[in-house]
Amino acid sequence: MNITNNQELLKQLEWRYAVKKFDSQKKISHEDWKTIEKSLVLTPSSYGLQPWKFVLVQNSELRKKLTPLSWNQTQVEDCSHYVVFANKTGLDEKYISDFIALNSKTRGIPPEKLEGYKKMMVGNLLHGERKAHLGEWAARQCYIALGNLMTTVAVMGIDACPMEGIEPKKYDEVLGLEGTGYETCVACAVGYRSSEDFYAQLAKVRFAAEDVVVKK
């Protein structure tokens, strides 16, 4: 079922941009945020393993501490909701086993029938070539979630700004992520653009489809 038509979808994607100045007085409603939050939970991931945490930072004092660790970008404090994407570090067999148990319970499949699935994940992630790059693999999963978040809010008429200009290790200190098995990857400010944001009026700059879409 298509919940919107092609023109409406493209209109919203044209409308969105990386907001530089948010209206600090305008907040996302509780109902809308719950939809956005659920969209994050529904984000697809490799093997379905979801190697992430989405840290919603609403405490104003914490945000003030994060601002200087974010190149002093005002979006950190001015946005309605600030989300930090933390990827899992040190993925182990217990995590995979817990995921298999959840899979079994949710789908009503006997655990033994999922043993092959488990062995494939363990073999690939813990003993295969990916073993040496698990942190990078998990970080890429976070970027899938980031893209999903930005598209979701754009369709809802809500603004966002992805934030890579941050100091991840220092974020970990402020947010208490050290020693938790998760580390800061990227962040995203979500809310409503200020009428004073000059960038809202600028035309979107993109290479032509024929320059970036390769057909074979």
N, C-alpha and C. Protein backbone atom coordinates (compact mmCIF):
# COMPACT_ATOMS: atom_id res chain seq x y z
N MET A 1 0.84 -1.19 0.00
CA MET A 1 0.00 0.00 0.00
C MET A 1 0.88 1.25 0.00
N ASN A 2 0.63 2.13 -0.95
CA ASN A 2 1.39 3.37 -1.05
C ASN A 2 0.66 4.45 -0.26
N ILE A 3 1.27 4.94 0.85
CA ILE A 3 0.59 5.91 1.70
C ILE A 3 0.69 7.33 1.17
N THR A 4 1.51 7.51 0.14
CA THR A 4 1.63 8.83 -0.46
C THR A 4 1.88 8.64 -1.95
N ASN A 5 1.65 9.67 -2.72
CA ASN A 5 1.94 9.52 -4.15
C ASN A 5 3.38 9.97 -4.45
N ASN A 6 3.81 9.67 -5.65
CA ASN A 6 5.20 9.95 -6.02
C ASN A 6 5.57 11.42 -5.89
N GLN A 7 4.66 12.28 -6.32
CA GLN A 7 4.92 13.71 -6.29
C GLN A 7 5.05 14.23 -4.86
N GLU A 8 4.20 13.75 -3.97
CA GLU A 8 4.25 14.19 -2.57
C GLU A 8 5.55 13.75 -1.91
N LEU A 9 5.97 12.52 -2.20
CA LEU A 9 7.21 12.02 -1.62
C LEU A 9 8.40 12.87 -2.07
N LEU A 10 8.49 13.09 -3.37
CA LEU A 10 9.62 13.88 -3.89
C LEU A 10 9.57 15.32 -3.39
N LYS A 11 8.36 15.85 -3.22
CA LYS A 11 8.22 17.21 -2.71
C LYS A 11 8.83 17.32 -1.31
N GLN A 12 8.57 16.32 -0.46
CA GLN A 12 9.11 16.34 0.90
C GLN A 12 10.62 16.15 0.92
N LEU A 13 11.14 15.34 0.01
CA LEU A 13 12.58 15.14 -0.04
C LEU A 13 13.28 16.38 -0.60
N GLU A 14 12.60 17.11 -1.47
CA GLU A 14 13.14 18.39 -1.95
C GLU A 14 13.09 19.43 -0.83
N TRP A 15 12.05 19.36 -0.01
CA TRP A 15 11.81 20.33 1.07
C TRP A 15 12.85 20.20 2.17
N ARG A 16 13.28 18.98 2.46
CA ARG A 16 14.19 18.76 3.58
C ARG A 16 15.59 19.28 3.25
N TYR A 17 16.30 19.65 4.29
CA TYR A 17 17.70 20.05 4.17
C TYR A 17 18.31 19.92 5.56
N ALA A 18 19.61 20.03 5.65
CA ALA A 18 20.28 19.95 6.95
C ALA A 18 20.12 21.29 7.66
N VAL A 19 19.18 21.36 8.58
CA VAL A 19 18.85 22.62 9.25
C VAL A 19 20.03 23.15 10.06
N LYS A 20 20.31 24.41 9.86
CA LYS A 20 21.41 25.05 10.58
C LYS A 20 20.93 25.81 11.82
N LYS A 21 19.67 26.22 11.80
CA LYS A 21 19.11 26.96 12.94
C LYS A 21 17.69 26.49 13.19
N PHE A 22 17.47 25.91 14.37
CA PHE A 22 16.14 25.43 14.75
C PHE A 22 15.37 26.49 15.54
N ASP A 23 14.06 26.38 15.50
CA ASP A 23 13.19 27.19 16.34
C ASP A 23 13.13 26.50 17.70
N SER A 24 13.83 27.03 18.68
CA SER A 24 13.94 26.37 19.98
C SER A 24 12.62 26.34 20.75
N GLN A 25 11.65 27.14 20.31
CA GLN A 25 10.37 27.20 21.01
C GLN A 25 9.35 26.19 20.46
N LYS A 26 9.68 25.61 19.34
CA LYS A 26 8.73 24.69 18.70
C LYS A 26 9.17 23.25 18.94
N LYS A 27 8.29 22.47 19.56
CA LYS A 27 8.64 21.11 19.95
C LYS A 27 7.81 20.07 19.19
N ILE A 28 8.41 18.93 18.99
CA ILE A 28 7.72 17.80 18.38
C ILE A 28 6.72 17.24 19.38
N SER A 29 5.50 16.96 18.92
CA SER A 29 4.48 16.44 19.82
C SER A 29 4.85 15.04 20.30
N HIS A 30 4.28 14.66 21.44
CA HIS A 30 4.54 13.33 22.00
C HIS A 30 4.13 12.24 21.01
N GLU A 31 2.98 12.42 20.38
CA GLU A 31 2.48 11.42 19.43
C GLU A 31 3.42 11.29 18.24
N ASP A 32 3.88 12.43 17.69
CA ASP A 32 4.78 12.38 16.55
C ASP A 32 6.11 11.76 16.93
N TRP A 33 6.61 12.10 18.12
CA TRP A 33 7.89 11.53 18.52
C TRP A 33 7.81 10.02 18.66
N LYS A 34 6.71 9.52 19.20
CA LYS A 34 6.55 8.07 19.36
C LYS A 34 6.59 7.37 18.00
N THR A 35 6.03 8.02 16.98
CA THR A 35 6.09 7.46 15.62
C THR A 35 7.53 7.45 15.12
N ILE A 36 8.23 8.54 15.34
CA ILE A 36 9.63 8.64 14.92
C ILE A 36 10.47 7.59 15.65
N GLU A 37 10.24 7.46 16.95
CA GLU A 37 10.97 6.49 17.76
C GLU A 37 10.74 5.07 17.25
N LYS A 38 9.49 4.78 16.91
CA LYS A 38 9.16 3.45 16.39
C LYS A 38 9.84 3.23 15.04
N SER A 39 9.95 4.27 14.23
CA SER A 39 10.62 4.13 12.94
C SER A 39 12.09 3.76 13.14
N LEU A 40 12.70 4.30 14.19
CA LEU A 40 14.09 3.93 14.50
C LEU A 40 14.18 2.45 14.86
N VAL A 41 13.26 2.01 15.69
CA VAL A 41 13.24 0.60 16.11
C VAL A 41 13.04 -0.32 14.90
N LEU A 42 12.27 0.14 13.92
CA LEU A 42 11.96 -0.68 12.74
C LEU A 42 13.04 -0.63 11.67
N THR A 43 14.10 0.13 11.89
CA THR A 43 15.18 0.23 10.90
C THR A 43 15.77 -1.15 10.59
N PRO A 44 15.96 -1.46 9.32
CA PRO A 44 16.60 -2.74 8.97
C PRO A 44 18.09 -2.71 9.29
N SER A 45 18.65 -3.89 9.52
CA SER A 45 20.08 -4.00 9.80
C SER A 45 20.59 -5.34 9.29
N SER A 46 21.89 -5.44 9.10
CA SER A 46 22.49 -6.67 8.61
C SER A 46 22.18 -7.82 9.57
N TYR A 47 21.67 -8.91 9.01
CA TYR A 47 21.24 -10.08 9.78
C TYR A 47 20.07 -9.78 10.72
N GLY A 48 19.62 -8.52 10.76
CA GLY A 48 18.59 -8.13 11.71
C GLY A 48 19.12 -7.95 13.11
N LEU A 49 20.44 -7.85 13.27
CA LEU A 49 21.07 -7.87 14.60
C LEU A 49 20.94 -6.57 15.39
N GLN A 50 20.65 -5.46 14.72
CA GLN A 50 20.43 -4.18 15.42
C GLN A 50 21.56 -3.83 16.40
N PRO A 51 22.79 -3.69 15.91
CA PRO A 51 23.92 -3.44 16.82
C PRO A 51 24.06 -1.97 17.20
N TRP A 52 23.04 -1.45 17.88
CA TRP A 52 23.01 -0.02 18.16
C TRP A 52 22.21 0.31 19.42
N LYS A 53 22.39 1.52 19.89
CA LYS A 53 21.52 2.17 20.87
C LYS A 53 21.23 3.56 20.32
N PHE A 54 20.01 4.02 20.52
CA PHE A 54 19.64 5.38 20.13
C PHE A 54 19.47 6.18 21.42
N VAL A 55 20.43 7.04 21.68
CA VAL A 55 20.44 7.80 22.95
C VAL A 55 19.73 9.13 22.73
N LEU A 56 18.56 9.27 23.31
CA LEU A 56 17.78 10.51 23.20
C LEU A 56 18.23 11.45 24.32
N VAL A 57 18.87 12.54 23.94
CA VAL A 57 19.41 13.48 24.93
C VAL A 57 18.46 14.67 25.05
N GLN A 58 17.67 14.69 26.11
CA GLN A 58 16.72 15.77 26.34
C GLN A 58 17.13 16.66 27.52
N ASN A 59 18.06 16.18 28.32
CA ASN A 59 18.53 16.96 29.46
C ASN A 59 19.31 18.18 28.98
N SER A 60 18.84 19.37 29.34
CA SER A 60 19.45 20.60 28.83
C SER A 60 20.90 20.76 29.29
N GLU A 61 21.22 20.30 30.50
CA GLU A 61 22.59 20.42 30.99
C GLU A 61 23.55 19.52 30.20
N LEU A 62 23.07 18.33 29.86
CA LEU A 62 23.89 17.44 29.04
C LEU A 62 24.11 18.03 27.65
N ARG A 63 23.07 18.63 27.11
CA ARG A 63 23.20 19.23 25.78
C ARG A 63 24.23 20.37 25.80
N LYS A 64 24.21 21.14 26.87
CA LYS A 64 25.19 22.23 26.99
C LYS A 64 26.61 21.69 27.01
N LYS A 65 26.79 20.54 27.64
CA LYS A 65 28.11 19.92 27.68
C LYS A 65 28.52 19.38 26.31
N LEU A 66 27.51 18.95 25.52
CA LEU A 66 27.80 18.38 24.21
C LEU A 66 28.09 19.44 23.15
N THR A 67 27.57 20.65 23.34
CA THR A 67 27.74 21.70 22.33
C THR A 67 29.20 21.97 21.98
N PRO A 68 30.07 22.22 22.96
CA PRO A 68 31.48 22.46 22.61
C PRO A 68 32.17 21.24 22.02
N LEU A 69 31.56 20.06 22.20
CA LEU A 69 32.11 18.83 21.62
C LEU A 69 31.52 18.59 20.24
N SER A 70 30.74 19.57 19.76
CA SER A 70 30.05 19.48 18.47
C SER A 70 30.37 20.70 17.61
N TRP A 71 31.61 21.15 17.72
CA TRP A 71 32.06 22.33 16.97
C TRP A 71 31.19 23.55 17.28
N ASN A 72 30.62 23.58 18.48
CA ASN A 72 29.76 24.68 18.94
C ASN A 72 28.56 24.92 18.02
N GLN A 73 28.08 23.86 17.41
CA GLN A 73 26.90 23.98 16.55
C GLN A 73 25.65 24.14 17.43
N THR A 74 24.87 25.17 17.15
CA THR A 74 23.73 25.52 18.01
C THR A 74 22.58 24.52 17.92
N GLN A 75 22.58 23.69 16.86
CA GLN A 75 21.49 22.73 16.71
C GLN A 75 21.37 21.79 17.91
N VAL A 76 22.48 21.50 18.54
CA VAL A 76 22.49 20.57 19.68
C VAL A 76 21.51 21.02 20.76
N GLU A 77 21.52 22.31 21.07
CA GLU A 77 20.66 22.83 22.13
C GLU A 77 19.31 23.34 21.64
N ASP A 78 19.26 23.81 20.39
CA ASP A 78 18.04 24.46 19.89
C ASP A 78 17.00 23.50 19.35
N CYS A 79 17.42 22.28 18.96
CA CYS A 79 16.47 21.35 18.37
C CYS A 79 15.49 20.83 19.42
N SER A 80 14.41 20.22 18.94
CA SER A 80 13.42 19.65 19.84
C SER A 80 13.93 18.36 20.47
N HIS A 81 14.46 17.46 19.65
CA HIS A 81 14.96 16.16 20.11
C HIS A 81 16.35 15.92 19.52
N TYR A 82 17.28 15.49 20.37
CA TYR A 82 18.65 15.24 19.92
C TYR A 82 18.97 13.77 20.11
N VAL A 83 19.28 13.09 19.00
CA VAL A 83 19.51 11.65 19.03
C VAL A 83 20.97 11.35 18.74
N VAL A 84 21.60 10.58 19.62
CA VAL A 84 22.97 10.12 19.40
C VAL A 84 22.91 8.63 19.06
N PHE A 85 23.52 8.28 17.95
CA PHE A 85 23.54 6.89 17.49
C PHE A 85 24.83 6.25 18.00
N ALA A 86 24.68 5.21 18.80
CA ALA A 86 25.84 4.51 19.36
C ALA A 86 25.89 3.10 18.81
N ASN A 87 27.01 2.74 18.20
CA ASN A 87 27.14 1.39 17.66
C ASN A 87 27.75 0.44 18.69
N LYS A 88 27.38 -0.81 18.56
CA LYS A 88 27.87 -1.81 19.51
C LYS A 88 29.33 -2.13 19.23
N THR A 89 30.09 -2.28 20.31
CA THR A 89 31.48 -2.69 20.19
C THR A 89 31.61 -4.09 20.79
N GLY A 90 32.55 -4.84 20.30
CA GLY A 90 32.80 -6.16 20.89
C GLY A 90 31.61 -7.09 20.81
N LEU A 91 30.96 -7.14 19.65
CA LEU A 91 29.86 -8.09 19.45
C LEU A 91 30.35 -9.50 19.78
N ASP A 92 29.57 -10.25 20.57
CA ASP A 92 30.01 -11.58 20.96
C ASP A 92 28.90 -12.61 20.75
N GLU A 93 29.22 -13.86 21.05
CA GLU A 93 28.27 -14.93 20.80
C GLU A 93 27.03 -14.82 21.69
N LYS A 94 27.19 -14.27 22.90
CA LYS A 94 26.03 -14.09 23.77
C LYS A 94 25.00 -13.16 23.13
N TYR A 95 25.48 -12.07 22.53
CA TYR A 95 24.57 -11.13 21.89
C TYR A 95 23.80 -11.83 20.77
N ILE A 96 24.52 -12.63 19.99
CA ILE A 96 23.87 -13.35 18.89
C ILE A 96 22.89 -14.38 19.44
N SER A 97 23.26 -15.04 20.51
CA SER A 97 22.37 -16.03 21.14
C SER A 97 21.11 -15.37 21.67
N ASP A 98 21.25 -14.20 22.27
CA ASP A 98 20.09 -13.47 22.78
C ASP A 98 19.17 -13.07 21.63
N PHE A 99 19.76 -12.68 20.50
CA PHE A 99 18.97 -12.32 19.33
C PHE A 99 18.22 -13.55 18.79
N ILE A 100 18.88 -14.67 18.76
CA ILE A 100 18.24 -15.91 18.31
C ILE A 100 17.08 -16.27 19.23
N ALA A 101 17.26 -16.11 20.54
CA ALA A 101 16.20 -16.40 21.50
C ALA A 101 15.00 -15.48 21.27
N LEU A 102 15.26 -14.21 21.00
CA LEU A 102 14.19 -13.27 20.71
C LEU A 102 13.48 -13.64 19.42
N ASN A 103 14.24 -14.03 18.42
CA ASN A 103 13.69 -14.45 17.14
C ASN A 103 12.77 -15.65 17.34
N SER A 104 13.24 -16.61 18.12
CA SER A 104 12.46 -17.81 18.41
C SER A 104 11.14 -17.48 19.11
N LYS A 105 11.23 -16.61 20.12
CA LYS A 105 10.04 -16.23 20.89
C LYS A 105 9.06 -15.43 20.04
N THR A 106 9.57 -14.49 19.27
CA THR A 106 8.70 -13.60 18.49
C THR A 106 7.98 -14.35 17.38
N ARG A 107 8.68 -15.25 16.71
CA ARG A 107 8.13 -15.94 15.55
C ARG A 107 7.61 -17.34 15.85
N GLY A 108 7.80 -17.80 17.09
CA GLY A 108 7.32 -19.12 17.45
C GLY A 108 8.07 -20.24 16.75
N ILE A 109 9.36 -20.00 16.52
CA ILE A 109 10.19 -20.99 15.84
C ILE A 109 11.08 -21.68 16.88
N PRO A 110 11.12 -23.00 16.92
CA PRO A 110 11.99 -23.69 17.88
C PRO A 110 13.44 -23.26 17.70
N PRO A 111 14.16 -23.00 18.78
CA PRO A 111 15.55 -22.52 18.70
C PRO A 111 16.45 -23.40 17.84
N GLU A 112 16.21 -24.72 17.90
CA GLU A 112 17.08 -25.62 17.14
C GLU A 112 16.95 -25.40 15.62
N LYS A 113 15.80 -24.90 15.19
CA LYS A 113 15.62 -24.64 13.77
C LYS A 113 16.35 -23.37 13.33
N LEU A 114 16.80 -22.59 14.29
CA LEU A 114 17.54 -21.36 13.99
C LEU A 114 19.04 -21.53 14.20
N GLU A 115 19.45 -22.76 14.50
CA GLU A 115 20.86 -23.02 14.79
C GLU A 115 21.75 -22.72 13.58
N GLY A 116 21.27 -23.04 12.39
CA GLY A 116 22.04 -22.77 11.18
C GLY A 116 22.24 -21.29 10.97
N TYR A 117 21.18 -20.52 11.23
CA TYR A 117 21.22 -19.06 11.13
C TYR A 117 22.25 -18.50 12.11
N LYS A 118 22.22 -19.04 13.33
CA LYS A 118 23.16 -18.59 14.36
C LYS A 118 24.60 -18.90 13.96
N LYS A 119 24.83 -20.11 13.48
CA LYS A 119 26.19 -20.51 13.09
C LYS A 119 26.71 -19.64 11.96
N MET A 120 25.82 -19.27 11.04
CA MET A 120 26.23 -18.42 9.92
C MET A 120 26.69 -17.06 10.44
N MET A 121 25.94 -16.47 11.37
CA MET A 121 26.31 -15.17 11.93
C MET A 121 27.61 -15.26 12.72
N VAL A 122 27.72 -16.27 13.56
CA VAL A 122 28.92 -16.44 14.37
C VAL A 122 30.14 -16.64 13.47
N GLY A 123 29.97 -17.47 12.44
CA GLY A 123 31.08 -17.74 11.54
C GLY A 123 31.53 -16.51 10.78
N ASN A 124 30.56 -15.73 10.31
CA ASN A 124 30.89 -14.55 9.51
C ASN A 124 31.42 -13.40 10.36
N LEU A 125 30.75 -13.12 11.48
CA LEU A 125 31.08 -11.94 12.28
C LEU A 125 32.17 -12.17 13.31
N LEU A 126 32.21 -13.35 13.89
CA LEU A 126 33.15 -13.59 14.99
C LEU A 126 34.40 -14.36 14.59
N HIS A 127 34.32 -15.07 13.45
CA HIS A 127 35.47 -15.88 13.04
C HIS A 127 35.91 -15.61 11.61
N GLY A 128 35.11 -14.88 10.86
CA GLY A 128 35.42 -14.62 9.47
C GLY A 128 36.16 -13.31 9.26
N GLU A 129 36.17 -12.83 8.01
CA GLU A 129 36.90 -11.61 7.67
C GLU A 129 36.37 -10.38 8.38
N ARG A 130 35.09 -10.38 8.71
CA ARG A 130 34.50 -9.21 9.36
C ARG A 130 34.96 -9.03 10.80
N LYS A 131 35.52 -10.06 11.38
CA LYS A 131 35.92 -10.01 12.79
C LYS A 131 36.79 -8.80 13.09
N ALA A 132 37.71 -8.49 12.19
CA ALA A 132 38.66 -7.40 12.42
C ALA A 132 38.04 -6.02 12.22
N HIS A 133 36.81 -5.99 11.68
CA HIS A 133 36.19 -4.71 11.35
C HIS A 133 34.77 -4.61 11.92
N LEU A 134 34.52 -5.28 13.02
CA LEU A 134 33.16 -5.31 13.58
C LEU A 134 32.65 -3.93 13.97
N GLY A 135 33.55 -3.10 14.53
CA GLY A 135 33.13 -1.76 14.92
C GLY A 135 32.69 -0.95 13.72
N GLU A 136 33.44 -1.05 12.64
CA GLU A 136 33.10 -0.34 11.41
C GLU A 136 31.79 -0.87 10.83
N TRP A 137 31.63 -2.19 10.86
CA TRP A 137 30.38 -2.82 10.38
C TRP A 137 29.19 -2.30 11.18
N ALA A 138 29.33 -2.25 12.50
CA ALA A 138 28.23 -1.78 13.36
C ALA A 138 27.95 -0.31 13.11
N ALA A 139 28.99 0.48 12.88
CA ALA A 139 28.80 1.90 12.59
C ALA A 139 28.00 2.10 11.30
N ARG A 140 28.28 1.26 10.30
CA ARG A 140 27.51 1.38 9.04
C ARG A 140 26.04 1.09 9.27
N GLN A 141 25.74 0.20 10.20
CA GLN A 141 24.34 -0.08 10.52
C GLN A 141 23.67 1.18 11.10
N CYS A 142 24.43 1.92 11.91
CA CYS A 142 23.90 3.16 12.49
C CYS A 142 23.55 4.17 11.39
N TYR A 143 24.34 4.18 10.33
CA TYR A 143 24.06 5.12 9.25
C TYR A 143 22.79 4.73 8.49
N ILE A 144 22.48 3.44 8.46
CA ILE A 144 21.20 3.02 7.89
C ILE A 144 20.07 3.62 8.72
N ALA A 145 20.21 3.54 10.05
CA ALA A 145 19.20 4.10 10.95
C ALA A 145 19.10 5.62 10.81
N LEU A 146 20.23 6.28 10.64
CA LEU A 146 20.24 7.73 10.46
C LEU A 146 19.47 8.12 9.20
N GLY A 147 19.74 7.42 8.10
CA GLY A 147 19.02 7.71 6.86
C GLY A 147 17.53 7.46 7.00
N ASN A 148 17.18 6.38 7.70
CA ASN A 148 15.77 6.06 7.91
C ASN A 148 15.08 7.15 8.72
N LEU A 149 15.78 7.65 9.75
CA LEU A 149 15.23 8.72 10.58
C LEU A 149 14.98 9.97 9.75
N MET A 150 15.97 10.38 8.95
CA MET A 150 15.84 11.62 8.19
C MET A 150 14.72 11.55 7.16
N THR A 151 14.56 10.39 6.53
CA THR A 151 13.47 10.24 5.56
C THR A 151 12.12 10.25 6.26
N THR A 152 12.03 9.53 7.38
CA THR A 152 10.77 9.47 8.13
C THR A 152 10.30 10.86 8.54
N VAL A 153 11.20 11.64 9.14
CA VAL A 153 10.77 12.96 9.62
C VAL A 153 10.44 13.89 8.46
N ALA A 154 11.16 13.76 7.35
CA ALA A 154 10.88 14.60 6.19
C ALA A 154 9.46 14.35 5.68
N VAL A 155 9.08 13.09 5.61
CA VAL A 155 7.73 12.74 5.18
C VAL A 155 6.68 13.30 6.15
N MET A 156 7.05 13.41 7.42
CA MET A 156 6.14 13.93 8.44
C MET A 156 6.14 15.46 8.50
N GLY A 157 6.99 16.10 7.69
CA GLY A 157 7.07 17.56 7.73
C GLY A 157 7.86 18.07 8.91
N ILE A 158 8.79 17.25 9.39
CA ILE A 158 9.64 17.62 10.53
C ILE A 158 11.07 17.70 10.04
N ASP A 159 11.82 18.64 10.59
CA ASP A 159 13.18 18.89 10.13
C ASP A 159 14.24 18.09 10.88
N ALA A 160 15.42 18.00 10.26
CA ALA A 160 16.52 17.28 10.89
C ALA A 160 17.84 17.82 10.39
N CYS A 161 18.88 17.53 11.16
CA CYS A 161 20.25 17.86 10.74
C CYS A 161 21.18 16.76 11.22
N PRO A 162 21.75 15.98 10.31
CA PRO A 162 22.72 14.96 10.73
C PRO A 162 23.98 15.64 11.24
N MET A 163 24.58 15.10 12.29
CA MET A 163 25.71 15.74 12.95
C MET A 163 26.90 14.79 13.00
N GLU A 164 27.84 14.95 12.08
CA GLU A 164 29.09 14.20 12.13
C GLU A 164 30.21 15.04 12.74
N GLY A 165 30.00 16.34 12.83
CA GLY A 165 31.01 17.22 13.41
C GLY A 165 30.97 17.18 14.91
N ILE A 166 31.30 16.02 15.46
CA ILE A 166 31.27 15.82 16.91
C ILE A 166 32.54 15.07 17.34
N GLU A 167 32.81 15.07 18.63
CA GLU A 167 33.95 14.34 19.18
C GLU A 167 33.42 13.08 19.88
N PRO A 168 33.38 11.95 19.17
CA PRO A 168 32.74 10.74 19.69
C PRO A 168 33.23 10.28 21.06
N LYS A 169 34.53 10.25 21.27
CA LYS A 169 35.05 9.76 22.54
C LYS A 169 34.62 10.63 23.72
N LYS A 170 34.59 11.93 23.48
CA LYS A 170 34.17 12.84 24.54
C LYS A 170 32.66 12.77 24.75
N TYR A 171 31.93 12.50 23.68
CA TYR A 171 30.49 12.24 23.82
C TYR A 171 30.28 11.04 24.74
N ASP A 172 31.09 10.00 24.52
CA ASP A 172 30.97 8.80 25.34
C ASP A 172 31.14 9.12 26.83
N GLU A 173 32.07 10.01 27.13
CA GLU A 173 32.30 10.41 28.52
C GLU A 173 31.09 11.11 29.10
N VAL A 174 30.57 12.08 28.37
CA VAL A 174 29.43 12.87 28.85
C VAL A 174 28.18 12.01 29.00
N LEU A 175 27.96 11.11 28.06
CA LEU A 175 26.73 10.31 28.05
C LEU A 175 26.85 9.01 28.85
N GLY A 176 28.02 8.78 29.44
CA GLY A 176 28.19 7.58 30.26
C GLY A 176 28.21 6.30 29.45
N LEU A 177 28.71 6.35 28.23
CA LEU A 177 28.73 5.17 27.37
C LEU A 177 29.99 4.32 27.56
N GLU A 178 30.99 4.89 28.21
CA GLU A 178 32.24 4.15 28.41
C GLU A 178 31.97 2.88 29.22
N GLY A 179 32.46 1.77 28.71
CA GLY A 179 32.31 0.51 29.43
C GLY A 179 30.96 -0.16 29.24
N THR A 180 30.09 0.41 28.42
CA THR A 180 28.76 -0.16 28.22
C THR A 180 28.70 -1.12 27.03
N GLY A 181 29.76 -1.14 26.21
CA GLY A 181 29.73 -1.96 25.01
C GLY A 181 29.18 -1.20 23.81
N TYR A 182 28.99 0.11 23.97
CA TYR A 182 28.52 0.96 22.88
C TYR A 182 29.36 2.22 22.82
N GLU A 183 29.52 2.78 21.63
CA GLU A 183 30.28 4.01 21.47
C GLU A 183 29.60 4.94 20.48
N THR A 184 29.75 6.22 20.67
CA THR A 184 29.12 7.22 19.81
C THR A 184 29.60 7.08 18.37
N CYS A 185 28.65 7.12 17.45
CA CYS A 185 28.97 7.03 16.03
C CYS A 185 28.65 8.34 15.31
N VAL A 186 27.41 8.80 15.46
CA VAL A 186 26.93 9.99 14.77
C VAL A 186 25.72 10.50 15.55
N ALA A 187 25.25 11.69 15.24
CA ALA A 187 24.08 12.23 15.95
C ALA A 187 23.15 12.90 14.95
N CYS A 188 21.95 13.21 15.40
CA CYS A 188 21.00 13.91 14.54
C CYS A 188 20.09 14.79 15.39
N ALA A 189 20.03 16.06 15.01
CA ALA A 189 19.13 17.01 15.66
C ALA A 189 17.80 17.00 14.90
N VAL A 190 16.70 16.95 15.64
CA VAL A 190 15.38 16.86 15.02
C VAL A 190 14.47 17.93 15.61
N GLY A 191 13.67 18.57 14.79
CA GLY A 191 12.78 19.62 15.28
C GLY A 191 12.17 20.41 14.14
N TYR A 192 12.12 21.72 14.31
CA TYR A 192 11.51 22.58 13.29
C TYR A 192 12.44 23.75 12.98
N ARG A 193 12.62 24.01 11.70
CA ARG A 193 13.52 25.08 11.26
C ARG A 193 13.07 26.45 11.74
N SER A 194 14.04 27.30 11.98
CA SER A 194 13.74 28.69 12.34
C SER A 194 13.47 29.47 11.06
N SER A 195 12.59 30.44 11.15
CA SER A 195 12.30 31.31 10.00
C SER A 195 13.52 32.14 9.63
N GLU A 196 14.50 32.18 10.54
CA GLU A 196 15.71 32.96 10.31
C GLU A 196 16.83 32.14 9.67
N ASP A 197 16.56 30.87 9.40
CA ASP A 197 17.61 30.02 8.81
C ASP A 197 17.75 30.32 7.32
N PHE A 198 18.82 30.99 6.97
CA PHE A 198 19.09 31.39 5.60
C PHE A 198 19.13 30.19 4.65
N TYR A 199 19.62 29.06 5.14
CA TYR A 199 19.83 27.89 4.30
C TYR A 199 18.52 27.26 3.81
N ALA A 200 17.42 27.58 4.48
CA ALA A 200 16.13 27.01 4.08
C ALA A 200 15.71 27.49 2.69
N GLN A 201 16.20 28.63 2.27
CA GLN A 201 15.79 29.22 1.00
C GLN A 201 16.70 28.82 -0.17
N LEU A 202 17.79 28.16 0.12
CA LEU A 202 18.74 27.82 -0.94
C LEU A 202 18.27 26.63 -1.77
N ALA A 203 18.54 26.68 -3.06
CA ALA A 203 18.19 25.57 -3.94
C ALA A 203 19.05 24.35 -3.58
N LYS A 204 18.47 23.18 -3.73
CA LYS A 204 19.20 21.95 -3.43
C LYS A 204 20.19 21.66 -4.57
N VAL A 205 21.40 21.34 -4.21
CA VAL A 205 22.44 21.08 -5.21
C VAL A 205 22.69 19.57 -5.30
N ARG A 206 22.37 18.98 -6.43
CA ARG A 206 22.57 17.56 -6.65
C ARG A 206 23.06 17.31 -8.07
N PHE A 207 23.93 16.33 -8.24
CA PHE A 207 24.31 15.92 -9.58
C PHE A 207 23.08 15.33 -10.27
N ALA A 208 23.05 15.40 -11.59
CA ALA A 208 21.92 14.86 -12.34
C ALA A 208 21.86 13.34 -12.19
N ALA A 209 20.64 12.80 -12.28
CA ALA A 209 20.45 11.35 -12.12
C ALA A 209 21.34 10.56 -13.06
N GLU A 210 21.47 11.02 -14.31
CA GLU A 210 22.28 10.29 -15.28
C GLU A 210 23.78 10.28 -14.92
N ASP A 211 24.17 11.19 -14.02
CA ASP A 211 25.57 11.25 -13.59
C ASP A 211 25.86 10.32 -12.41
N VAL A 212 24.83 9.94 -11.69
CA VAL A 212 25.07 9.13 -10.49
C VAL A 212 24.36 7.77 -10.50
N VAL A 213 23.36 7.61 -11.35
CA VAL A 213 22.67 6.32 -11.46
C VAL A 213 23.26 5.57 -12.67
N VAL A 214 23.95 4.50 -12.38
CA VAL A 214 24.61 3.73 -13.43
C VAL A 214 23.75 2.53 -13.82
N LYS A 215 23.40 2.47 -15.09
CA LYS A 215 22.55 1.39 -15.58
C LYS A 215 23.38 0.40 -16.39
N LYS A 216 23.22 -0.85 -16.09
CA LYS A 216 23.97 -1.90 -16.80
C LYS A 216 23.03 -2.80 -17.59
